[in-house]
Amino acid sequence: MLNPSIRFSPANIAALKKALRSQYPHIKSSHLDEAIAASFGFKSYAAMRPALHQLVAYARLVVESDHLLLLLRLEELGYRNIAREPLRRLVWNIEFPDDRYDGEIEQVIRARRRPTAANAG
């Protein structure tokens, strides 16, 4: 199953949390932090936080958010009645503020993916 790829940035993490909080207001904020960290493969929010802030200063990282890991962590925290499919759709449909690529890089990627014209060359 495919997972959405997003830029690993504080703004995108905040957007993910905001969307989850609006859909699941009964989940504690700290539990959402833990589940979000798990969705990126971290064992805890405390482990994710330094990596997130260090990367922002030095590099751009695109990661996948795995809704099944998020769901599993929420179940471990006591939230057992969350349906898998609506959660998957929610994560896929979030409008993240930080694009995966900056404008110039995105243009290069699009140009590489564009098929060559039949009469070119």
PDB file of N, CA and C in Angstrom:
ATOM      1  N   MET A   1       0.838  -1.176   0.000  1.00  0.00           N
ATOM      2  CA  MET A   1       0.000   0.000   0.000  1.00  0.00           C
ATOM      3  C   MET A   1       0.883   1.239   0.000  1.00  0.00           C
ATOM      4  N   LEU A   2       0.549   2.181  -0.828  1.00  0.00           N
ATOM      5  CA  LEU A   2       1.314   3.421  -0.917  1.00  0.00           C
ATOM      6  C   LEU A   2       1.003   4.333   0.254  1.00  0.00           C
ATOM      7  N   ASN A   3       2.006   5.077   0.652  1.00  0.00           N
ATOM      8  CA  ASN A   3       1.860   6.076   1.710  1.00  0.00           C
ATOM      9  C   ASN A   3       2.231   7.434   1.146  1.00  0.00           C
ATOM     10  N   PRO A   4       1.608   8.497   1.653  1.00  0.00           N
ATOM     11  CA  PRO A   4       1.942   9.821   1.131  1.00  0.00           C
ATOM     12  C   PRO A   4       3.354  10.241   1.525  1.00  0.00           C
ATOM     13  N   SER A   5       4.049  10.836   0.579  1.00  0.00           N
ATOM     14  CA  SER A   5       5.378  11.387   0.842  1.00  0.00           C
ATOM     15  C   SER A   5       5.238  12.862   1.133  1.00  0.00           C
ATOM     16  N   ILE A   6       5.854  13.285   2.220  1.00  0.00           N
ATOM     17  CA  ILE A   6       5.789  14.698   2.589  1.00  0.00           C
ATOM     18  C   ILE A   6       7.177  15.182   2.992  1.00  0.00           C
ATOM     19  N   ARG A   7       7.349  16.479   2.926  1.00  0.00           N
ATOM     20  CA  ARG A   7       8.586  17.084   3.400  1.00  0.00           C
ATOM     21  C   ARG A   7       8.572  17.047   4.926  1.00  0.00           C
ATOM     22  N   PHE A   8       9.636  16.569   5.519  1.00  0.00           N
ATOM     23  CA  PHE A   8       9.765  16.436   6.963  1.00  0.00           C
ATOM     24  C   PHE A   8      10.126  17.810   7.514  1.00  0.00           C
ATOM     25  N   SER A   9       9.103  18.556   7.941  1.00  0.00           N
ATOM     26  CA  SER A   9       9.316  19.910   8.441  1.00  0.00           C
ATOM     27  C   SER A   9       8.347  20.192   9.579  1.00  0.00           C
ATOM     28  N   PRO A  10       8.689  21.127  10.476  1.00  0.00           N
ATOM     29  CA  PRO A  10       7.783  21.456  11.573  1.00  0.00           C
ATOM     30  C   PRO A  10       6.403  21.897  11.087  1.00  0.00           C
ATOM     31  N   ALA A  11       6.349  22.666  10.009  1.00  0.00           N
ATOM     32  CA  ALA A  11       5.057  23.145   9.497  1.00  0.00           C
ATOM     33  C   ALA A  11       4.190  21.979   9.015  1.00  0.00           C
ATOM     34  N   ASN A  12       4.790  21.006   8.359  1.00  0.00           N
ATOM     35  CA  ASN A  12       4.024  19.860   7.872  1.00  0.00           C
ATOM     36  C   ASN A  12       3.584  18.947   9.014  1.00  0.00           C
ATOM     37  N   ILE A  13       4.432  18.795  10.022  1.00  0.00           N
ATOM     38  CA  ILE A  13       4.052  18.006  11.194  1.00  0.00           C
ATOM     39  C   ILE A  13       2.883  18.690  11.895  1.00  0.00           C
ATOM     40  N   ALA A  14       2.938  20.015  12.004  1.00  0.00           N
ATOM     41  CA  ALA A  14       1.839  20.763  12.632  1.00  0.00           C
ATOM     42  C   ALA A  14       0.547  20.627  11.823  1.00  0.00           C
ATOM     43  N   ALA A  15       0.646  20.647  10.507  1.00  0.00           N
ATOM     44  CA  ALA A  15      -0.541  20.487   9.661  1.00  0.00           C
ATOM     45  C   ALA A  15      -1.145  19.102   9.827  1.00  0.00           C
ATOM     46  N   LEU A  16      -0.299  18.095   9.917  1.00  0.00           N
ATOM     47  CA  LEU A  16      -0.770  16.727  10.133  1.00  0.00           C
ATOM     48  C   LEU A  16      -1.491  16.627  11.474  1.00  0.00           C
ATOM     49  N   LYS A  17      -0.895  17.195  12.510  1.00  0.00           N
ATOM     50  CA  LYS A  17      -1.514  17.150  13.835  1.00  0.00           C
ATOM     51  C   LYS A  17      -2.838  17.919  13.863  1.00  0.00           C
ATOM     52  N   LYS A  18      -2.878  19.064  13.211  1.00  0.00           N
ATOM     53  CA  LYS A  18      -4.104  19.859  13.165  1.00  0.00           C
ATOM     54  C   LYS A  18      -5.231  19.083  12.485  1.00  0.00           C
ATOM     55  N   ALA A  19      -4.918  18.422  11.382  1.00  0.00           N
ATOM     56  CA  ALA A  19      -5.934  17.632  10.673  1.00  0.00           C
ATOM     57  C   ALA A  19      -6.419  16.473  11.530  1.00  0.00           C
ATOM     58  N   LEU A  20      -5.485  15.819  12.206  1.00  0.00           N
ATOM     59  CA  LEU A  20      -5.867  14.710  13.080  1.00  0.00           C
ATOM     60  C   LEU A  20      -6.713  15.191  14.252  1.00  0.00           C
ATOM     61  N   ARG A  21      -6.349  16.337  14.817  1.00  0.00           N
ATOM     62  CA  ARG A  21      -7.115  16.878  15.963  1.00  0.00           C
ATOM     63  C   ARG A  21      -8.529  17.267  15.548  1.00  0.00           C
ATOM     64  N   SER A  22      -8.683  17.783  14.337  1.00  0.00           N
ATOM     65  CA  SER A  22     -10.028  18.171  13.895  1.00  0.00           C
ATOM     66  C   SER A  22     -10.895  16.943  13.642  1.00  0.00           C
ATOM     67  N   GLN A  23     -10.293  15.860  13.176  1.00  0.00           N
ATOM     68  CA  GLN A  23     -11.044  14.636  12.895  1.00  0.00           C
ATOM     69  C   GLN A  23     -11.257  13.782  14.147  1.00  0.00           C
ATOM     70  N   TYR A  24     -10.290  13.829  15.048  1.00  0.00           N
ATOM     71  CA  TYR A  24     -10.329  12.989  16.254  1.00  0.00           C
ATOM     72  C   TYR A  24     -10.088  13.848  17.498  1.00  0.00           C
ATOM     73  N   PRO A  25     -11.046  14.709  17.858  1.00  0.00           N
ATOM     74  CA  PRO A  25     -10.834  15.633  18.976  1.00  0.00           C
ATOM     75  C   PRO A  25     -10.704  14.949  20.343  1.00  0.00           C
ATOM     76  N   HIS A  26     -11.120  13.706  20.452  1.00  0.00           N
ATOM     77  CA  HIS A  26     -11.052  12.992  21.725  1.00  0.00           C
ATOM     78  C   HIS A  26      -9.646  12.466  22.043  1.00  0.00           C
ATOM     79  N   ILE A  27      -8.740  12.515  21.070  1.00  0.00           N
ATOM     80  CA  ILE A  27      -7.375  12.019  21.297  1.00  0.00           C
ATOM     81  C   ILE A  27      -6.534  13.130  21.920  1.00  0.00           C
ATOM     82  N   LYS A  28      -5.841  12.786  22.989  1.00  0.00           N
ATOM     83  CA  LYS A  28      -4.985  13.759  23.673  1.00  0.00           C
ATOM     84  C   LYS A  28      -3.879  14.250  22.737  1.00  0.00           C
ATOM     85  N   SER A  29      -3.502  15.500  22.913  1.00  0.00           N
ATOM     86  CA  SER A  29      -2.475  16.120  22.083  1.00  0.00           C
ATOM     87  C   SER A  29      -1.156  15.353  22.147  1.00  0.00           C
ATOM     88  N   SER A  30      -0.742  14.980  23.331  1.00  0.00           N
ATOM     89  CA  SER A  30       0.530  14.258  23.472  1.00  0.00           C
ATOM     90  C   SER A  30       0.466  12.880  22.822  1.00  0.00           C
ATOM     91  N   HIS A  31      -0.708  12.267  22.815  1.00  0.00           N
ATOM     92  CA  HIS A  31      -0.850  10.973  22.156  1.00  0.00           C
ATOM     93  C   HIS A  31      -0.768  11.120  20.638  1.00  0.00           C
ATOM     94  N   LEU A  32      -1.290  12.214  20.121  1.00  0.00           N
ATOM     95  CA  LEU A  32      -1.142  12.473  18.684  1.00  0.00           C
ATOM     96  C   LEU A  32       0.326  12.683  18.323  1.00  0.00           C
ATOM     97  N   ASP A  33       1.050  13.407  19.186  1.00  0.00           N
ATOM     98  CA  ASP A  33       2.485  13.600  18.942  1.00  0.00           C
ATOM     99  C   ASP A  33       3.196  12.260  18.844  1.00  0.00           C
ATOM    100  N   GLU A  34       2.897  11.364  19.776  1.00  0.00           N
ATOM    101  CA  GLU A  34       3.527  10.043  19.776  1.00  0.00           C
ATOM    102  C   GLU A  34       3.151   9.241  18.532  1.00  0.00           C
ATOM    103  N   ALA A  35       1.878   9.293  18.143  1.00  0.00           N
ATOM    104  CA  ALA A  35       1.411   8.544  16.979  1.00  0.00           C
ATOM    105  C   ALA A  35       2.013   9.100  15.687  1.00  0.00           C
ATOM    106  N   ILE A  36       2.115  10.412  15.586  1.00  0.00           N
ATOM    107  CA  ILE A  36       2.729  11.030  14.407  1.00  0.00           C
ATOM    108  C   ILE A  36       4.186  10.606  14.293  1.00  0.00           C
ATOM    109  N   ALA A  37       4.905  10.631  15.406  1.00  0.00           N
ATOM    110  CA  ALA A  37       6.300  10.188  15.392  1.00  0.00           C
ATOM    111  C   ALA A  37       6.391   8.731  14.936  1.00  0.00           C
ATOM    112  N   ALA A  38       5.497   7.897  15.428  1.00  0.00           N
ATOM    113  CA  ALA A  38       5.486   6.487  15.026  1.00  0.00           C
ATOM    114  C   ALA A  38       5.218   6.345  13.536  1.00  0.00           C
ATOM    115  N   SER A  39       4.375   7.216  12.981  1.00  0.00           N
ATOM    116  CA  SER A  39       4.050   7.122  11.551  1.00  0.00           C
ATOM    117  C   SER A  39       5.264   7.370  10.664  1.00  0.00           C
ATOM    118  N   PHE A  40       6.268   8.020  11.201  1.00  0.00           N
ATOM    119  CA  PHE A  40       7.512   8.266  10.463  1.00  0.00           C
ATOM    120  C   PHE A  40       8.616   7.286  10.849  1.00  0.00           C
ATOM    121  N   GLY A  41       8.283   6.315  11.713  1.00  0.00           N
ATOM    122  CA  GLY A  41       9.250   5.290  12.085  1.00  0.00           C
ATOM    123  C   GLY A  41      10.039   5.574  13.350  1.00  0.00           C
ATOM    124  N   PHE A  42       9.689   6.616  14.071  1.00  0.00           N
ATOM    125  CA  PHE A  42      10.377   6.918  15.327  1.00  0.00           C
ATOM    126  C   PHE A  42       9.706   6.178  16.471  1.00  0.00           C
ATOM    127  N   LYS A  43      10.474   5.840  17.489  1.00  0.00           N
ATOM    128  CA  LYS A  43       9.920   5.139  18.644  1.00  0.00           C
ATOM    129  C   LYS A  43       9.148   6.076  19.562  1.00  0.00           C
ATOM    130  N   SER A  44       9.455   7.377  19.499  1.00  0.00           N
ATOM    131  CA  SER A  44       8.759   8.339  20.351  1.00  0.00           C
ATOM    132  C   SER A  44       8.857   9.738  19.742  1.00  0.00           C
ATOM    133  N   TYR A  45       8.010  10.623  20.247  1.00  0.00           N
ATOM    134  CA  TYR A  45       8.060  12.024  19.833  1.00  0.00           C
ATOM    135  C   TYR A  45       9.386  12.649  20.277  1.00  0.00           C
ATOM    136  N   ALA A  46       9.847  12.244  21.451  1.00  0.00           N
ATOM    137  CA  ALA A  46      11.119  12.765  21.960  1.00  0.00           C
ATOM    138  C   ALA A  46      12.277  12.407  21.030  1.00  0.00           C
ATOM    139  N   ALA A  47      12.208  11.258  20.387  1.00  0.00           N
ATOM    140  CA  ALA A  47      13.255  10.861  19.437  1.00  0.00           C
ATOM    141  C   ALA A  47      13.125  11.614  18.117  1.00  0.00           C
ATOM    142  N   MET A  48      11.898  11.936  17.725  1.00  0.00           N
ATOM    143  CA  MET A  48      11.682  12.616  16.445  1.00  0.00           C
ATOM    144  C   MET A  48      12.047  14.096  16.509  1.00  0.00           C
ATOM    145  N   ARG A  49      11.752  14.732  17.614  1.00  0.00           N
ATOM    146  CA  ARG A  49      11.884  16.190  17.724  1.00  0.00           C
ATOM    147  C   ARG A  49      13.287  16.712  17.383  1.00  0.00           C
ATOM    148  N   PRO A  50      14.358  16.190  17.963  1.00  0.00           N
ATOM    149  CA  PRO A  50      15.685  16.714  17.602  1.00  0.00           C
ATOM    150  C   PRO A  50      16.029  16.478  16.129  1.00  0.00           C
ATOM    151  N   ALA A  51      15.649  15.323  15.615  1.00  0.00           N
ATOM    152  CA  ALA A  51      15.923  15.042  14.200  1.00  0.00           C
ATOM    153  C   ALA A  51      15.192  16.036  13.307  1.00  0.00           C
ATOM    154  N   LEU A  52      13.954  16.327  13.647  1.00  0.00           N
ATOM    155  CA  LEU A  52      13.153  17.263  12.867  1.00  0.00           C
ATOM    156  C   LEU A  52      13.799  18.642  12.832  1.00  0.00           C
ATOM    157  N   HIS A  53      14.215  19.138  13.957  1.00  0.00           N
ATOM    158  CA  HIS A  53      14.775  20.491  14.007  1.00  0.00           C
ATOM    159  C   HIS A  53      16.204  20.561  13.467  1.00  0.00           C
ATOM    160  N   GLN A  54      16.955  19.489  13.593  1.00  0.00           N
ATOM    161  CA  GLN A  54      18.305  19.478  13.028  1.00  0.00           C
ATOM    162  C   GLN A  54      18.250  19.421  11.514  1.00  0.00           C
ATOM    163  N   LEU A  55      17.359  18.620  10.963  1.00  0.00           N
ATOM    164  CA  LEU A  55      17.241  18.512   9.512  1.00  0.00           C
ATOM    165  C   LEU A  55      16.798  19.812   8.879  1.00  0.00           C
ATOM    166  N   VAL A  56      15.892  20.510   9.524  1.00  0.00           N
ATOM    167  CA  VAL A  56      15.387  21.766   8.967  1.00  0.00           C
ATOM    168  C   VAL A  56      16.532  22.747   8.743  1.00  0.00           C
ATOM    169  N   ALA A  57      17.495  22.742   9.631  1.00  0.00           N
ATOM    170  CA  ALA A  57      18.603  23.686   9.525  1.00  0.00           C
ATOM    171  C   ALA A  57      19.594  23.315   8.429  1.00  0.00           C
ATOM    172  N   TYR A  58      19.693  22.016   8.080  1.00  0.00           N
ATOM    173  CA  TYR A  58      20.770  21.595   7.194  1.00  0.00           C
ATOM    174  C   TYR A  58      20.350  20.883   5.922  1.00  0.00           C
ATOM    175  N   ALA A  59      19.176  20.291   5.902  1.00  0.00           N
ATOM    176  CA  ALA A  59      18.828  19.461   4.743  1.00  0.00           C
ATOM    177  C   ALA A  59      17.325  19.423   4.538  1.00  0.00           C
ATOM    178  N   ARG A  60      16.946  18.961   3.376  1.00  0.00           N
ATOM    179  CA  ARG A  60      15.538  18.734   3.057  1.00  0.00           C
ATOM    180  C   ARG A  60      15.342  17.227   2.996  1.00  0.00           C
ATOM    181  N   LEU A  61      14.350  16.743   3.713  1.00  0.00           N
ATOM    182  CA  LEU A  61      14.099  15.309   3.734  1.00  0.00           C
ATOM    183  C   LEU A  61      12.634  15.062   3.406  1.00  0.00           C
ATOM    184  N   VAL A  62      12.390  14.180   2.454  1.00  0.00           N
ATOM    185  CA  VAL A  62      11.034  13.771   2.106  1.00  0.00           C
ATOM    186  C   VAL A  62      10.842  12.384   2.707  1.00  0.00           C
ATOM    187  N   VAL A  63       9.770  12.231   3.482  1.00  0.00           N
ATOM    188  CA  VAL A  63       9.503  10.978   4.188  1.00  0.00           C
ATOM    189  C   VAL A  63       8.093  10.499   3.874  1.00  0.00           C
ATOM    190  N   GLU A  64       7.838   9.243   4.169  1.00  0.00           N
ATOM    191  CA  GLU A  64       6.495   8.698   4.033  1.00  0.00           C
ATOM    192  C   GLU A  64       5.833   8.655   5.398  1.00  0.00           C
ATOM    193  N   SER A  65       4.563   9.015   5.429  1.00  0.00           N
ATOM    194  CA  SER A  65       3.770   8.921   6.649  1.00  0.00           C
ATOM    195  C   SER A  65       2.917   7.664   6.545  1.00  0.00           C
ATOM    196  N   ASP A  66       3.201   6.680   7.388  1.00  0.00           N
ATOM    197  CA  ASP A  66       2.502   5.397   7.340  1.00  0.00           C
ATOM    198  C   ASP A  66       1.320   5.422   8.307  1.00  0.00           C
ATOM    199  N   HIS A  67       0.114   5.483   7.761  1.00  0.00           N
ATOM    200  CA  HIS A  67      -1.079   5.581   8.605  1.00  0.00           C
ATOM    201  C   HIS A  67      -1.287   4.326   9.454  1.00  0.00           C
ATOM    202  N   LEU A  68      -0.774   3.189   9.011  1.00  0.00           N
ATOM    203  CA  LEU A  68      -0.915   1.967   9.810  1.00  0.00           C
ATOM    204  C   LEU A  68      -0.044   2.013  11.064  1.00  0.00           C
ATOM    205  N   LEU A  69       1.155   2.581  10.958  1.00  0.00           N
ATOM    206  CA  LEU A  69       1.995   2.764  12.141  1.00  0.00           C
ATOM    207  C   LEU A  69       1.365   3.772  13.090  1.00  0.00           C
ATOM    208  N   LEU A  70       0.747   4.804  12.529  1.00  0.00           N
ATOM    209  CA  LEU A  70       0.044   5.801  13.338  1.00  0.00           C
ATOM    210  C   LEU A  70      -1.115   5.134  14.086  1.00  0.00           C
ATOM    211  N   LEU A  71      -1.875   4.343  13.368  1.00  0.00           N
ATOM    212  CA  LEU A  71      -3.018   3.637  13.954  1.00  0.00           C
ATOM    213  C   LEU A  71      -2.568   2.654  15.036  1.00  0.00           C
ATOM    214  N   LEU A  72      -1.508   1.929  14.769  1.00  0.00           N
ATOM    215  CA  LEU A  72      -0.988   0.973  15.743  1.00  0.00           C
ATOM    216  C   LEU A  72      -0.586   1.667  17.040  1.00  0.00           C
ATOM    217  N   ARG A  73       0.101   2.797  16.915  1.00  0.00           N
ATOM    218  CA  ARG A  73       0.524   3.530  18.124  1.00  0.00           C
ATOM    219  C   ARG A  73      -0.686   4.060  18.885  1.00  0.00           C
ATOM    220  N   LEU A  74      -1.700   4.546  18.173  1.00  0.00           N
ATOM    221  CA  LEU A  74      -2.912   5.008  18.851  1.00  0.00           C
ATOM    222  C   LEU A  74      -3.605   3.856  19.581  1.00  0.00           C
ATOM    223  N   GLU A  75      -3.608   2.684  18.967  1.00  0.00           N
ATOM    224  CA  GLU A  75      -4.195   1.512  19.631  1.00  0.00           C
ATOM    225  C   GLU A  75      -3.412   1.160  20.886  1.00  0.00           C
ATOM    226  N   GLU A  76      -2.083   1.256  20.823  1.00  0.00           N
ATOM    227  CA  GLU A  76      -1.254   1.000  22.004  1.00  0.00           C
ATOM    228  C   GLU A  76      -1.558   1.990  23.124  1.00  0.00           C
ATOM    229  N   LEU A  77      -1.962   3.198  22.739  1.00  0.00           N
ATOM    230  CA  LEU A  77      -2.282   4.235  23.719  1.00  0.00           C
ATOM    231  C   LEU A  77      -3.737   4.173  24.186  1.00  0.00           C
ATOM    232  N   GLY A  78      -4.495   3.192  23.690  1.00  0.00           N
ATOM    233  CA  GLY A  78      -5.851   2.983  24.185  1.00  0.00           C
ATOM    234  C   GLY A  78      -6.979   3.416  23.273  1.00  0.00           C
ATOM    235  N   TYR A  79      -6.671   3.875  22.071  1.00  0.00           N
ATOM    236  CA  TYR A  79      -7.698   4.325  21.124  1.00  0.00           C
ATOM    237  C   TYR A  79      -7.965   3.191  20.127  1.00  0.00           C
ATOM    238  N   ARG A  80      -8.905   2.347  20.447  1.00  0.00           N
ATOM    239  CA  ARG A  80      -9.121   1.122  19.673  1.00  0.00           C
ATOM    240  C   ARG A  80     -10.215   1.215  18.613  1.00  0.00           C
ATOM    241  N   ASN A  81     -10.994   2.249  18.591  1.00  0.00           N
ATOM    242  CA  ASN A  81     -12.144   2.321  17.682  1.00  0.00           C
ATOM    243  C   ASN A  81     -11.928   3.262  16.510  1.00  0.00           C
ATOM    244  N   ILE A  82     -10.715   3.391  16.049  1.00  0.00           N
ATOM    245  CA  ILE A  82     -10.429   4.261  14.912  1.00  0.00           C
ATOM    246  C   ILE A  82     -10.369   3.401  13.655  1.00  0.00           C
ATOM    247  N   ALA A  83     -11.218   3.726  12.705  1.00  0.00           N
ATOM    248  CA  ALA A  83     -11.280   2.964  11.453  1.00  0.00           C
ATOM    249  C   ALA A  83     -10.058   3.282  10.588  1.00  0.00           C
ATOM    250  N   ARG A  84      -9.508   2.255   9.976  1.00  0.00           N
ATOM    251  CA  ARG A  84      -8.280   2.386   9.190  1.00  0.00           C
ATOM    252  C   ARG A  84      -8.468   3.219   7.924  1.00  0.00           C
ATOM    253  N   GLU A  85      -9.507   2.954   7.157  1.00  0.00           N
ATOM    254  CA  GLU A  85      -9.676   3.604   5.852  1.00  0.00           C
ATOM    255  C   GLU A  85      -9.917   5.111   5.958  1.00  0.00           C
ATOM    256  N   PRO A  86     -10.792   5.583   6.854  1.00  0.00           N
ATOM    257  CA  PRO A  86     -10.945   7.045   6.975  1.00  0.00           C
ATOM    258  C   PRO A  86      -9.651   7.739   7.411  1.00  0.00           C
ATOM    259  N   LEU A  87      -8.870   7.070   8.251  1.00  0.00           N
ATOM    260  CA  LEU A  87      -7.589   7.636   8.672  1.00  0.00           C
ATOM    261  C   LEU A  87      -6.641   7.737   7.476  1.00  0.00           C
ATOM    262  N   ARG A  88      -6.592   6.693   6.667  1.00  0.00           N
ATOM    263  CA  ARG A  88      -5.738   6.705   5.466  1.00  0.00           C
ATOM    264  C   ARG A  88      -6.129   7.842   4.532  1.00  0.00           C
ATOM    265  N   ARG A  89      -7.433   7.990   4.290  1.00  0.00           N
ATOM    266  CA  ARG A  89      -7.901   9.073   3.399  1.00  0.00           C
ATOM    267  C   ARG A  89      -7.570  10.439   3.968  1.00  0.00           C
ATOM    268  N   LEU A  90      -7.717  10.595   5.276  1.00  0.00           N
ATOM    269  CA  LEU A  90      -7.405  11.877   5.910  1.00  0.00           C
ATOM    270  C   LEU A  90      -5.942  12.240   5.678  1.00  0.00           C
ATOM    271  N   VAL A  91      -5.045  11.304   5.938  1.00  0.00           N
ATOM    272  CA  VAL A  91      -3.618  11.582   5.776  1.00  0.00           C
ATOM    273  C   VAL A  91      -3.280  11.896   4.324  1.00  0.00           C
ATOM    274  N   TRP A  92      -3.897  11.200   3.383  1.00  0.00           N
ATOM    275  CA  TRP A  92      -3.646  11.455   1.957  1.00  0.00           C
ATOM    276  C   TRP A  92      -4.157  12.818   1.511  1.00  0.00           C
ATOM    277  N   ASN A  93      -5.217  13.328   2.133  1.00  0.00           N
ATOM    278  CA  ASN A  93      -5.869  14.546   1.648  1.00  0.00           C
ATOM    279  C   ASN A  93      -5.435  15.828   2.341  1.00  0.00           C
ATOM    280  N   ILE A  94      -4.474  15.760   3.222  1.00  0.00           N
ATOM    281  CA  ILE A  94      -4.003  16.957   3.926  1.00  0.00           C
ATOM    282  C   ILE A  94      -3.239  17.853   2.953  1.00  0.00           C
ATOM    283  N   GLU A  95      -3.529  19.134   3.016  1.00  0.00           N
ATOM    284  CA  GLU A  95      -2.772  20.131   2.245  1.00  0.00           C
ATOM    285  C   GLU A  95      -1.599  20.587   3.113  1.00  0.00           C
ATOM    286  N   PHE A  96      -0.406  20.111   2.800  1.00  0.00           N
ATOM    287  CA  PHE A  96       0.763  20.451   3.592  1.00  0.00           C
ATOM    288  C   PHE A  96       1.342  21.789   3.127  1.00  0.00           C
ATOM    289  N   PRO A  97       1.730  22.660   4.074  1.00  0.00           N
ATOM    290  CA  PRO A  97       2.230  23.989   3.694  1.00  0.00           C
ATOM    291  C   PRO A  97       3.609  23.971   3.026  1.00  0.00           C
ATOM    292  N   ASP A  98       4.466  23.047   3.429  1.00  0.00           N
ATOM    293  CA  ASP A  98       5.806  22.968   2.824  1.00  0.00           C
ATOM    294  C   ASP A  98       5.781  21.921   1.718  1.00  0.00           C
ATOM    295  N   ASP A  99       5.956  22.373   0.495  1.00  0.00           N
ATOM    296  CA  ASP A  99       5.991  21.451  -0.629  1.00  0.00           C
ATOM    297  C   ASP A  99       7.196  20.526  -0.504  1.00  0.00           C
ATOM    298  N   ARG A 100       7.068  19.382  -1.135  1.00  0.00           N
ATOM    299  CA  ARG A 100       8.186  18.430  -1.101  1.00  0.00           C
ATOM    300  C   ARG A 100       9.437  19.031  -1.726  1.00  0.00           C
ATOM    301  N   TYR A 101       9.252  19.833  -2.757  1.00  0.00           N
ATOM    302  CA  TYR A 101      10.385  20.419  -3.464  1.00  0.00           C
ATOM    303  C   TYR A 101      10.157  21.910  -3.634  1.00  0.00           C
ATOM    304  N   ASP A 102      11.257  22.658  -3.698  1.00  0.00           N
ATOM    305  CA  ASP A 102      11.168  24.074  -4.028  1.00  0.00           C
ATOM    306  C   ASP A 102      10.889  24.202  -5.518  1.00  0.00           C
ATOM    307  N   GLY A 103      10.473  25.371  -5.959  1.00  0.00           N
ATOM    308  CA  GLY A 103      10.075  25.587  -7.336  1.00  0.00           C
ATOM    309  C   GLY A 103      11.094  25.140  -8.370  1.00  0.00           C
ATOM    310  N   GLU A 104      12.351  25.488  -8.195  1.00  0.00           N
ATOM    311  CA  GLU A 104      13.384  25.154  -9.172  1.00  0.00           C
ATOM    312  C   GLU A 104      13.607  23.639  -9.247  1.00  0.00           C
ATOM    313  N   ILE A 105      13.683  22.995  -8.117  1.00  0.00           N
ATOM    314  CA  ILE A 105      13.888  21.540  -8.091  1.00  0.00           C
ATOM    315  C   ILE A 105      12.684  20.835  -8.694  1.00  0.00           C
ATOM    316  N   GLU A 106      11.497  21.322  -8.387  1.00  0.00           N
ATOM    317  CA  GLU A 106      10.285  20.701  -8.927  1.00  0.00           C
ATOM    318  C   GLU A 106      10.260  20.794 -10.452  1.00  0.00           C
ATOM    319  N   GLN A 107      10.693  21.924 -11.007  1.00  0.00           N
ATOM    320  CA  GLN A 107      10.726  22.076 -12.466  1.00  0.00           C
ATOM    321  C   GLN A 107      11.689  21.080 -13.102  1.00  0.00           C
ATOM    322  N   VAL A 108      12.836  20.850 -12.490  1.00  0.00           N
ATOM    323  CA  VAL A 108      13.810  19.889 -13.004  1.00  0.00           C
ATOM    324  C   VAL A 108      13.211  18.480 -12.966  1.00  0.00           C
ATOM    325  N   ILE A 109      12.564  18.134 -11.881  1.00  0.00           N
ATOM    326  CA  ILE A 109      11.954  16.797 -11.756  1.00  0.00           C
ATOM    327  C   ILE A 109      10.851  16.609 -12.786  1.00  0.00           C
ATOM    328  N   ARG A 110       9.992  17.616 -12.953  1.00  0.00           N
ATOM    329  CA  ARG A 110       8.923  17.519 -13.952  1.00  0.00           C
ATOM    330  C   ARG A 110       9.499  17.374 -15.362  1.00  0.00           C
ATOM    331  N   ALA A 111      10.579  18.121 -15.646  1.00  0.00           N
ATOM    332  CA  ALA A 111      11.185  18.034 -16.981  1.00  0.00           C
ATOM    333  C   ALA A 111      11.757  16.641 -17.222  1.00  0.00           C
ATOM    334  N   ARG A 112      12.323  16.027 -16.219  1.00  0.00           N
ATOM    335  CA  ARG A 112      12.885  14.671 -16.376  1.00  0.00           C
ATOM    336  C   ARG A 112      11.795  13.631 -16.584  1.00  0.00           C
ATOM    337  N   ARG A 113      10.646  13.864 -16.013  1.00  0.00           N
ATOM    338  CA  ARG A 113       9.534  12.909 -16.136  1.00  0.00           C
ATOM    339  C   ARG A 113       8.725  13.099 -17.413  1.00  0.00           C
ATOM    340  N   ARG A 114       8.889  14.246 -18.044  1.00  0.00           N
ATOM    341  CA  ARG A 114       8.133  14.534 -19.263  1.00  0.00           C
ATOM    342  C   ARG A 114       8.631  13.662 -20.412  1.00  0.00           C
ATOM    343  N   PRO A 115       7.735  13.005 -21.119  1.00  0.00           N
ATOM    344  CA  PRO A 115       8.192  12.152 -22.232  1.00  0.00           C
ATOM    345  C   PRO A 115       8.791  12.988 -23.354  1.00  0.00           C
ATOM    346  N   THR A 116       9.725  12.392 -24.064  1.00  0.00           N
ATOM    347  CA  THR A 116      10.359  13.057 -25.192  1.00  0.00           C
ATOM    348  C   THR A 116       9.378  13.077 -26.372  1.00  0.00           C
ATOM    349  N   ALA A 117       9.310  14.199 -27.035  1.00  0.00           N
ATOM    350  CA  ALA A 117       8.418  14.327 -28.191  1.00  0.00           C
ATOM    351  C   ALA A 117       8.853  13.374 -29.292  1.00  0.00           C
ATOM    352  N   ALA A 118       7.889  12.864 -30.032  1.00  0.00           N
ATOM    353  CA  ALA A 118       8.158  11.897 -31.109  1.00  0.00           C
ATOM    354  C   ALA A 118       9.033  12.485 -32.199  1.00  0.00           C
ATOM    355  N   ASN A 119       8.930  13.775 -32.438  1.00  0.00           N
ATOM    356  CA  ASN A 119       9.696  14.398 -33.527  1.00  0.00           C
ATOM    357  C   ASN A 119      10.951  15.114 -33.007  1.00  0.00           C
ATOM    358  N   ALA A 120      11.370  14.825 -31.790  1.00  0.00           N
ATOM    359  CA  ALA A 120      12.542  15.496 -31.209  1.00  0.00           C
ATOM    360  C   ALA A 120      13.809  14.720 -31.539  1.00  0.00           C
ATOM    361  N   GLY A 121      14.450  15.129 -32.506  1.00  0.00           N
ATOM    362  CA  GLY A 121      15.748  14.608 -32.680  1.00  0.00           C
ATOM    363  C   GLY A 121      16.049  13.724 -33.754  1.00  0.00           C
TER     364      GLY A 121
END
